[in-house]
């Protein structure tokens, strides 16, 4: 398993459309579509290269009024999946 980037950042060549709190990400490089639920959409939107995975988890825990311990493993897993899907630099 590859560790998530310290400060994950989306790569060029992606188009994201949000609707009702969820997102679809189109990868212009390979034509793949990725459908994200509301939580994953928030995580992806925070992958701008300025926040650590822990800071992203903190923002998500605030948004959903959950403890950091509850969301950190899920945020780490989401960032890992984004990396595996080639969405991150």
PDB file of N, CA and C in Angstrom:
ATOM      1  N   UNK A   1       0.847  -1.185   0.000  1.00  0.00           N
ATOM      2  CA  UNK A   1       0.000   0.000   0.000  1.00  0.00           C
ATOM      3  C   UNK A   1       0.887   1.241   0.000  1.00  0.00           C
ATOM      4  N   UNK A   2       0.634   2.165  -0.892  1.00  0.00           N
ATOM      5  CA  UNK A   2       1.408   3.392  -0.988  1.00  0.00           C
ATOM      6  C   UNK A   2       0.905   4.400   0.040  1.00  0.00           C
ATOM      7  N   UNK A   3       1.829   5.049   0.790  1.00  0.00           N
ATOM      8  CA  UNK A   3       1.358   6.040   1.754  1.00  0.00           C
ATOM      9  C   UNK A   3       0.803   7.264   1.038  1.00  0.00           C
ATOM     10  N   UNK A   4      -0.236   7.883   1.600  1.00  0.00           N
ATOM     11  CA  UNK A   4      -0.789   9.070   0.963  1.00  0.00           C
ATOM     12  C   UNK A   4       0.212  10.216   0.999  1.00  0.00           C
ATOM     13  N   UNK A   5       0.092  11.094   0.036  1.00  0.00           N
ATOM     14  CA  UNK A   5       0.960  12.259  -0.017  1.00  0.00           C
ATOM     15  C   UNK A   5       0.834  13.067   1.264  1.00  0.00           C
ATOM     16  N   UNK A   6       1.938  13.679   1.676  1.00  0.00           N
ATOM     17  CA  UNK A   6       1.929  14.482   2.891  1.00  0.00           C
ATOM     18  C   UNK A   6       0.930  15.630   2.777  1.00  0.00           C
ATOM     19  N   UNK A   7       0.938  16.293   1.651  1.00  0.00           N
ATOM     20  CA  UNK A   7      -0.012  17.368   1.350  1.00  0.00           C
ATOM     21  C   UNK A   7      -0.590  17.065  -0.034  1.00  0.00           C
ATOM     22  N   UNK A   8      -1.624  16.217  -0.071  1.00  0.00           N
ATOM     23  CA  UNK A   8      -2.138  15.763  -1.359  1.00  0.00           C
ATOM     24  C   UNK A   8      -2.641  16.909  -2.232  1.00  0.00           C
ATOM     25  N   UNK A   9      -2.386  16.763  -3.520  1.00  0.00           N
ATOM     26  CA  UNK A   9      -2.771  17.789  -4.482  1.00  0.00           C
ATOM     27  C   UNK A   9      -3.307  17.114  -5.739  1.00  0.00           C
ATOM     28  N   UNK A  10      -4.419  17.642  -6.264  1.00  0.00           N
ATOM     29  CA  UNK A  10      -4.993  17.114  -7.506  1.00  0.00           C
ATOM     30  C   UNK A  10      -4.061  17.416  -8.667  1.00  0.00           C
ATOM     31  N   UNK A  11      -4.033  16.508  -9.607  1.00  0.00           N
ATOM     32  CA  UNK A  11      -3.197  16.719 -10.783  1.00  0.00           C
ATOM     33  C   UNK A  11      -3.991  17.443 -11.861  1.00  0.00           C
ATOM     34  N   UNK A  12      -3.268  17.930 -12.844  1.00  0.00           N
ATOM     35  CA  UNK A  12      -3.886  18.588 -13.997  1.00  0.00           C
ATOM     36  C   UNK A  12      -4.663  17.549 -14.808  1.00  0.00           C
ATOM     37  N   UNK A  13      -5.595  18.011 -15.615  1.00  0.00           N
ATOM     38  CA  UNK A  13      -6.316  17.128 -16.524  1.00  0.00           C
ATOM     39  C   UNK A  13      -7.565  16.509 -15.927  1.00  0.00           C
ATOM     40  N   UNK A  14      -8.051  17.078 -14.830  1.00  0.00           N
ATOM     41  CA  UNK A  14      -9.274  16.576 -14.198  1.00  0.00           C
ATOM     42  C   UNK A  14     -10.346  17.647 -14.267  1.00  0.00           C
ATOM     43  N   UNK A  15     -11.565  17.225 -14.550  1.00  0.00           N
ATOM     44  CA  UNK A  15     -12.710  18.129 -14.516  1.00  0.00           C
ATOM     45  C   UNK A  15     -13.668  17.594 -13.469  1.00  0.00           C
ATOM     46  N   UNK A  16     -14.047  18.451 -12.531  1.00  0.00           N
ATOM     47  CA  UNK A  16     -14.934  18.050 -11.447  1.00  0.00           C
ATOM     48  C   UNK A  16     -16.231  18.827 -11.538  1.00  0.00           C
ATOM     49  N   UNK A  17     -17.345  18.102 -11.463  1.00  0.00           N
ATOM     50  CA  UNK A  17     -18.665  18.717 -11.452  1.00  0.00           C
ATOM     51  C   UNK A  17     -19.361  18.261 -10.181  1.00  0.00           C
ATOM     52  N   UNK A  18     -19.818  19.234  -9.396  1.00  0.00           N
ATOM     53  CA  UNK A  18     -20.530  18.927  -8.155  1.00  0.00           C
ATOM     54  C   UNK A  18     -22.019  19.190  -8.335  1.00  0.00           C
ATOM     55  N   UNK A  19     -22.826  18.286  -7.755  1.00  0.00           N
ATOM     56  CA  UNK A  19     -24.272  18.429  -7.797  1.00  0.00           C
ATOM     57  C   UNK A  19     -24.840  17.827  -6.525  1.00  0.00           C
ATOM     58  N   UNK A  20     -25.589  18.604  -5.796  1.00  0.00           N
ATOM     59  CA  UNK A  20     -26.219  18.147  -4.559  1.00  0.00           C
ATOM     60  C   UNK A  20     -25.211  17.546  -3.577  1.00  0.00           C
ATOM     61  N   UNK A  21     -24.028  18.150  -3.491  1.00  0.00           N
ATOM     62  CA  UNK A  21     -23.041  17.727  -2.515  1.00  0.00           C
ATOM     63  C   UNK A  21     -22.176  16.562  -2.936  1.00  0.00           C
ATOM     64  N   UNK A  22     -22.473  15.960  -4.077  1.00  0.00           N
ATOM     65  CA  UNK A  22     -21.655  14.864  -4.583  1.00  0.00           C
ATOM     66  C   UNK A  22     -20.925  15.359  -5.826  1.00  0.00           C
ATOM     67  N   UNK A  23     -19.920  14.595  -6.263  1.00  0.00           N
ATOM     68  CA  UNK A  23     -19.133  15.043  -7.410  1.00  0.00           C
ATOM     69  C   UNK A  23     -18.879  13.898  -8.369  1.00  0.00           C
ATOM     70  N   UNK A  24     -18.673  14.293  -9.614  1.00  0.00           N
ATOM     71  CA  UNK A  24     -18.177  13.386 -10.643  1.00  0.00           C
ATOM     72  C   UNK A  24     -16.880  14.011 -11.140  1.00  0.00           C
ATOM     73  N   UNK A  25     -15.844  13.192 -11.161  1.00  0.00           N
ATOM     74  CA  UNK A  25     -14.543  13.651 -11.640  1.00  0.00           C
ATOM     75  C   UNK A  25     -14.256  12.943 -12.953  1.00  0.00           C
ATOM     76  N   UNK A  26     -14.016  13.732 -13.989  1.00  0.00           N
ATOM     77  CA  UNK A  26     -13.671  13.183 -15.302  1.00  0.00           C
ATOM     78  C   UNK A  26     -12.172  13.329 -15.497  1.00  0.00           C
ATOM     79  N   UNK A  27     -11.524  12.211 -15.774  1.00  0.00           N
ATOM     80  CA  UNK A  27     -10.092  12.193 -16.028  1.00  0.00           C
ATOM     81  C   UNK A  27      -9.888  12.299 -17.528  1.00  0.00           C
ATOM     82  N   UNK A  28      -9.452  13.466 -17.976  1.00  0.00           N
ATOM     83  CA  UNK A  28      -9.283  13.721 -19.403  1.00  0.00           C
ATOM     84  C   UNK A  28      -8.187  12.864 -20.020  1.00  0.00           C
ATOM     85  N   UNK A  29      -7.262  12.373 -19.208  1.00  0.00           N
ATOM     86  CA  UNK A  29      -6.155  11.568 -19.712  1.00  0.00           C
ATOM     87  C   UNK A  29      -6.600  10.204 -20.198  1.00  0.00           C
ATOM     88  N   UNK A  30      -7.465   9.548 -19.419  1.00  0.00           N
ATOM     89  CA  UNK A  30      -7.862   8.180 -19.774  1.00  0.00           C
ATOM     90  C   UNK A  30      -9.372   8.010 -19.969  1.00  0.00           C
ATOM     91  N   UNK A  31     -10.133   9.090 -19.830  1.00  0.00           N
ATOM     92  CA  UNK A  31     -11.569   9.042 -20.058  1.00  0.00           C
ATOM     93  C   UNK A  31     -12.380   8.413 -18.938  1.00  0.00           C
ATOM     94  N   UNK A  32     -11.755   8.164 -17.802  1.00  0.00           N
ATOM     95  CA  UNK A  32     -12.474   7.543 -16.684  1.00  0.00           C
ATOM     96  C   UNK A  32     -13.300   8.568 -15.914  1.00  0.00           C
ATOM     97  N   UNK A  33     -14.433   8.091 -15.391  1.00  0.00           N
ATOM     98  CA  UNK A  33     -15.285   8.891 -14.512  1.00  0.00           C
ATOM     99  C   UNK A  33     -15.212   8.305 -13.108  1.00  0.00           C
ATOM    100  N   UNK A  34     -15.185   9.188 -12.123  1.00  0.00           N
ATOM    101  CA  UNK A  34     -15.166   8.774 -10.726  1.00  0.00           C
ATOM    102  C   UNK A  34     -16.328   9.474 -10.024  1.00  0.00           C
ATOM    103  N   UNK A  35     -17.254   8.708  -9.456  1.00  0.00           N
ATOM    104  CA  UNK A  35     -18.399   9.267  -8.730  1.00  0.00           C
ATOM    105  C   UNK A  35     -18.055   9.280  -7.249  1.00  0.00           C
ATOM    106  N   UNK A  36     -18.158  10.451  -6.626  1.00  0.00           N
ATOM    107  CA  UNK A  36     -17.806  10.602  -5.218  1.00  0.00           C
ATOM    108  C   UNK A  36     -19.030  10.951  -4.386  1.00  0.00           C
ATOM    109  N   UNK A  37     -19.134  10.322  -3.219  1.00  0.00           N
ATOM    110  CA  UNK A  37     -20.203  10.697  -2.297  1.00  0.00           C
ATOM    111  C   UNK A  37     -19.845  12.028  -1.634  1.00  0.00           C
ATOM    112  N   UNK A  38     -20.713  12.509  -0.770  1.00  0.00           N
ATOM    113  CA  UNK A  38     -20.525  13.828  -0.161  1.00  0.00           C
ATOM    114  C   UNK A  38     -19.223  13.917   0.635  1.00  0.00           C
ATOM    115  N   UNK A  39     -18.920  12.907   1.423  1.00  0.00           N
ATOM    116  CA  UNK A  39     -17.699  12.949   2.241  1.00  0.00           C
ATOM    117  C   UNK A  39     -16.459  12.939   1.355  1.00  0.00           C
ATOM    118  N   UNK A  40     -16.437  12.078   0.351  1.00  0.00           N
ATOM    119  CA  UNK A  40     -15.288  12.015  -0.554  1.00  0.00           C
ATOM    120  C   UNK A  40     -15.142  13.308  -1.347  1.00  0.00           C
ATOM    121  N   UNK A  41     -16.254  13.943  -1.671  1.00  0.00           N
ATOM    122  CA  UNK A  41     -16.220  15.217  -2.389  1.00  0.00           C
ATOM    123  C   UNK A  41     -15.542  16.282  -1.542  1.00  0.00           C
ATOM    124  N   UNK A  42     -15.853  16.311  -0.262  1.00  0.00           N
ATOM    125  CA  UNK A  42     -15.209  17.277   0.634  1.00  0.00           C
ATOM    126  C   UNK A  42     -13.718  16.992   0.717  1.00  0.00           C
ATOM    127  N   UNK A  43     -13.365  15.723   0.894  1.00  0.00           N
ATOM    128  CA  UNK A  43     -11.943  15.367   0.981  1.00  0.00           C
ATOM    129  C   UNK A  43     -11.225  15.792  -0.299  1.00  0.00           C
ATOM    130  N   UNK A  44     -11.788  15.458  -1.453  1.00  0.00           N
ATOM    131  CA  UNK A  44     -11.145  15.811  -2.717  1.00  0.00           C
ATOM    132  C   UNK A  44     -10.983  17.324  -2.858  1.00  0.00           C
ATOM    133  N   UNK A  45     -11.996  18.072  -2.462  1.00  0.00           N
ATOM    134  CA  UNK A  45     -11.924  19.529  -2.600  1.00  0.00           C
ATOM    135  C   UNK A  45     -10.830  20.124  -1.720  1.00  0.00           C
ATOM    136  N   UNK A  46     -10.450  19.413  -0.667  1.00  0.00           N
ATOM    137  CA  UNK A  46      -9.408  19.898   0.235  1.00  0.00           C
ATOM    138  C   UNK A  46      -8.015  19.430  -0.177  1.00  0.00           C
ATOM    139  N   UNK A  47      -7.937  18.603  -1.207  1.00  0.00           N
ATOM    140  CA  UNK A  47      -6.637  18.133  -1.715  1.00  0.00           C
ATOM    141  C   UNK A  47      -6.072  19.179  -2.669  1.00  0.00           C
ATOM    142  N   UNK A  48      -5.643  20.295  -2.089  1.00  0.00           N
ATOM    143  CA  UNK A  48      -5.135  21.397  -2.904  1.00  0.00           C
ATOM    144  C   UNK A  48      -3.644  21.640  -2.702  1.00  0.00           C
ATOM    145  N   UNK A  49      -2.984  20.729  -1.987  1.00  0.00           N
ATOM    146  CA  UNK A  49      -1.553  20.851  -1.769  1.00  0.00           C
ATOM    147  C   UNK A  49      -1.158  21.705  -0.594  1.00  0.00           C
ATOM    148  N   UNK A  50      -2.140  22.311   0.094  1.00  0.00           N
ATOM    149  CA  UNK A  50      -1.811  23.176   1.225  1.00  0.00           C
ATOM    150  C   UNK A  50      -2.066  22.511   2.575  1.00  0.00           C
ATOM    151  N   UNK A  51      -2.891  21.470   2.592  1.00  0.00           N
ATOM    152  CA  UNK A  51      -3.277  20.824   3.846  1.00  0.00           C
ATOM    153  C   UNK A  51      -2.707  19.421   3.933  1.00  0.00           C
ATOM    154  N   UNK A  52      -2.322  19.029   5.149  1.00  0.00           N
ATOM    155  CA  UNK A  52      -1.906  17.650   5.377  1.00  0.00           C
ATOM    156  C   UNK A  52      -3.148  16.771   5.459  1.00  0.00           C
ATOM    157  N   UNK A  53      -2.941  15.472   5.409  1.00  0.00           N
ATOM    158  CA  UNK A  53      -4.059  14.541   5.538  1.00  0.00           C
ATOM    159  C   UNK A  53      -4.757  14.747   6.882  1.00  0.00           C
ATOM    160  N   UNK A  54      -3.981  14.995   7.920  1.00  0.00           N
ATOM    161  CA  UNK A  54      -4.560  15.222   9.251  1.00  0.00           C
ATOM    162  C   UNK A  54      -5.399  16.502   9.280  1.00  0.00           C
ATOM    163  N   UNK A  55      -4.938  17.553   8.593  1.00  0.00           N
ATOM    164  CA  UNK A  55      -5.706  18.804   8.531  1.00  0.00           C
ATOM    165  C   UNK A  55      -6.986  18.620   7.718  1.00  0.00           C
ATOM    166  N   UNK A  56      -6.910  17.832   6.664  1.00  0.00           N
ATOM    167  CA  UNK A  56      -8.114  17.522   5.890  1.00  0.00           C
ATOM    168  C   UNK A  56      -9.107  16.774   6.772  1.00  0.00           C
ATOM    169  N   UNK A  57      -8.612  15.791   7.527  1.00  0.00           N
ATOM    170  CA  UNK A  57      -9.482  15.027   8.426  1.00  0.00           C
ATOM    171  C   UNK A  57     -10.115  15.930   9.470  1.00  0.00           C
ATOM    172  N   UNK A  58      -9.372  16.885   9.969  1.00  0.00           N
ATOM    173  CA  UNK A  58      -9.917  17.821  10.953  1.00  0.00           C
ATOM    174  C   UNK A  58     -11.066  18.629  10.359  1.00  0.00           C
ATOM    175  N   UNK A  59     -10.897  19.090   9.119  1.00  0.00           N
ATOM    176  CA  UNK A  59     -11.968  19.850   8.456  1.00  0.00           C
ATOM    177  C   UNK A  59     -13.197  18.977   8.234  1.00  0.00           C
ATOM    178  N   UNK A  60     -12.984  17.717   7.859  1.00  0.00           N
ATOM    179  CA  UNK A  60     -14.102  16.799   7.645  1.00  0.00           C
ATOM    180  C   UNK A  60     -14.796  16.506   8.965  1.00  0.00           C
ATOM    181  N   UNK A  61     -14.039  16.320  10.028  1.00  0.00           N
ATOM    182  CA  UNK A  61     -14.653  16.038  11.330  1.00  0.00           C
ATOM    183  C   UNK A  61     -15.504  17.223  11.781  1.00  0.00           C
ATOM    184  N   UNK A  62     -15.040  18.437  11.498  1.00  0.00           N
ATOM    185  CA  UNK A  62     -15.837  19.625  11.820  1.00  0.00           C
ATOM    186  C   UNK A  62     -17.111  19.674  10.984  1.00  0.00           C
ATOM    187  N   UNK A  63     -16.999  19.370   9.682  1.00  0.00           N
ATOM    188  CA  UNK A  63     -18.146  19.449   8.781  1.00  0.00           C
ATOM    189  C   UNK A  63     -19.236  18.459   9.154  1.00  0.00           C
ATOM    190  N   UNK A  64     -18.837  17.274   9.627  1.00  0.00           N
ATOM    191  CA  UNK A  64     -19.805  16.230   9.954  1.00  0.00           C
ATOM    192  C   UNK A  64     -20.040  16.083  11.449  1.00  0.00           C
ATOM    193  N   UNK A  65     -19.417  16.978  12.232  1.00  0.00           N
ATOM    194  CA  UNK A  65     -19.554  16.967  13.695  1.00  0.00           C
ATOM    195  C   UNK A  65     -19.229  15.595  14.274  1.00  0.00           C
ATOM    196  N   UNK A  66     -18.080  15.055  13.844  1.00  0.00           N
ATOM    197  CA  UNK A  66     -17.581  13.774  14.327  1.00  0.00           C
ATOM    198  C   UNK A  66     -16.192  13.997  14.906  1.00  0.00           C
ATOM    199  N   UNK A  67     -15.737  13.059  15.709  1.00  0.00           N
ATOM    200  CA  UNK A  67     -14.399  13.202  16.277  1.00  0.00           C
ATOM    201  C   UNK A  67     -13.348  12.936  15.201  1.00  0.00           C
ATOM    202  N   UNK A  68     -12.181  13.520  15.405  1.00  0.00           N
ATOM    203  CA  UNK A  68     -11.074  13.319  14.479  1.00  0.00           C
ATOM    204  C   UNK A  68     -10.709  11.844  14.395  1.00  0.00           C
ATOM    205  N   UNK A  69     -10.760  11.149  15.529  1.00  0.00           N
ATOM    206  CA  UNK A  69     -10.446   9.720  15.547  1.00  0.00           C
ATOM    207  C   UNK A  69     -11.407   8.911  14.674  1.00  0.00           C
ATOM    208  N   UNK A  70     -12.639   9.367  14.569  1.00  0.00           N
ATOM    209  CA  UNK A  70     -13.622   8.665  13.745  1.00  0.00           C
ATOM    210  C   UNK A  70     -13.355   8.831  12.253  1.00  0.00           C
ATOM    211  N   UNK A  71     -12.917  10.014  11.843  1.00  0.00           N
ATOM    212  CA  UNK A  71     -12.810  10.285  10.411  1.00  0.00           C
ATOM    213  C   UNK A  71     -11.407  10.107   9.840  1.00  0.00           C
ATOM    214  N   UNK A  72     -10.375  10.187  10.661  1.00  0.00           N
ATOM    215  CA  UNK A  72      -9.010  10.121  10.138  1.00  0.00           C
ATOM    216  C   UNK A  72      -8.737   8.851   9.328  1.00  0.00           C
ATOM    217  N   UNK A  73      -9.125   7.662   9.804  1.00  0.00           N
ATOM    218  CA  UNK A  73      -8.867   6.469   8.979  1.00  0.00           C
ATOM    219  C   UNK A  73      -9.580   6.520   7.625  1.00  0.00           C
ATOM    220  N   UNK A  74     -10.810   7.049   7.606  1.00  0.00           N
ATOM    221  CA  UNK A  74     -11.554   7.131   6.352  1.00  0.00           C
ATOM    222  C   UNK A  74     -10.943   8.157   5.397  1.00  0.00           C
ATOM    223  N   UNK A  75     -10.468   9.274   5.953  1.00  0.00           N
ATOM    224  CA  UNK A  75      -9.823  10.289   5.116  1.00  0.00           C
ATOM    225  C   UNK A  75      -8.531   9.727   4.537  1.00  0.00           C
ATOM    226  N   UNK A  76      -7.759   9.049   5.375  1.00  0.00           N
ATOM    227  CA  UNK A  76      -6.525   8.428   4.866  1.00  0.00           C
ATOM    228  C   UNK A  76      -6.839   7.444   3.741  1.00  0.00           C
ATOM    229  N   UNK A  77      -7.885   6.636   3.924  1.00  0.00           N
ATOM    230  CA  UNK A  77      -8.271   5.657   2.904  1.00  0.00           C
ATOM    231  C   UNK A  77      -8.731   6.358   1.624  1.00  0.00           C
ATOM    232  N   UNK A  78      -9.482   7.447   1.758  1.00  0.00           N
ATOM    233  CA  UNK A  78      -9.952   8.179   0.579  1.00  0.00           C
ATOM    234  C   UNK A  78      -8.776   8.761  -0.197  1.00  0.00           C
ATOM    235  N   UNK A  79      -7.838   9.366   0.513  1.00  0.00           N
ATOM    236  CA  UNK A  79      -6.659   9.933  -0.150  1.00  0.00           C
ATOM    237  C   UNK A  79      -5.865   8.825  -0.831  1.00  0.00           C
ATOM    238  N   UNK A  80      -5.752   7.688  -0.182  1.00  0.00           N
ATOM    239  CA  UNK A  80      -5.066   6.544  -0.777  1.00  0.00           C
ATOM    240  C   UNK A  80      -5.768   6.115  -2.072  1.00  0.00           C
ATOM    241  N   UNK A  81      -7.098   6.034  -2.039  1.00  0.00           N
ATOM    242  CA  UNK A  81      -7.856   5.650  -3.243  1.00  0.00           C
ATOM    243  C   UNK A  81      -7.689   6.688  -4.351  1.00  0.00           C
ATOM    244  N   UNK A  82      -7.698   7.967  -3.988  1.00  0.00           N
ATOM    245  CA  UNK A  82      -7.484   9.016  -4.990  1.00  0.00           C
ATOM    246  C   UNK A  82      -6.114   8.832  -5.637  1.00  0.00           C
ATOM    247  N   UNK A  83      -5.120   8.526  -4.831  1.00  0.00           N
ATOM    248  CA  UNK A  83      -3.781   8.292  -5.361  1.00  0.00           C
ATOM    249  C   UNK A  83      -3.740   7.095  -6.288  1.00  0.00           C
ATOM    250  N   UNK A  84      -4.366   6.007  -5.868  1.00  0.00           N
ATOM    251  CA  UNK A  84      -4.385   4.792  -6.688  1.00  0.00           C
ATOM    252  C   UNK A  84      -5.128   5.016  -8.001  1.00  0.00           C
ATOM    253  N   UNK A  85      -6.125   5.899  -7.975  1.00  0.00           N
ATOM    254  CA  UNK A  85      -6.898   6.202  -9.188  1.00  0.00           C
ATOM    255  C   UNK A  85      -6.165   7.198 -10.088  1.00  0.00           C
ATOM    256  N   UNK A  86      -5.022   7.691  -9.626  1.00  0.00           N
ATOM    257  CA  UNK A  86      -4.245   8.635 -10.437  1.00  0.00           C
ATOM    258  C   UNK A  86      -4.760  10.054 -10.412  1.00  0.00           C
ATOM    259  N   UNK A  87      -5.520  10.400  -9.369  1.00  0.00           N
ATOM    260  CA  UNK A  87      -6.090  11.744  -9.294  1.00  0.00           C
ATOM    261  C   UNK A  87      -5.166  12.760  -8.623  1.00  0.00           C
ATOM    262  N   UNK A  88      -4.138  12.249  -7.949  1.00  0.00           N
ATOM    263  CA  UNK A  88      -3.220  13.126  -7.213  1.00  0.00           C
ATOM    264  C   UNK A  88      -1.870  13.212  -7.898  1.00  0.00           C
ATOM    265  N   UNK A  89      -1.179  14.318  -7.652  1.00  0.00           N
ATOM    266  CA  UNK A  89       0.176  14.507  -8.177  1.00  0.00           C
ATOM    267  C   UNK A  89       1.103  13.541  -7.483  1.00  0.00           C
TER     268      UNK A  89
END
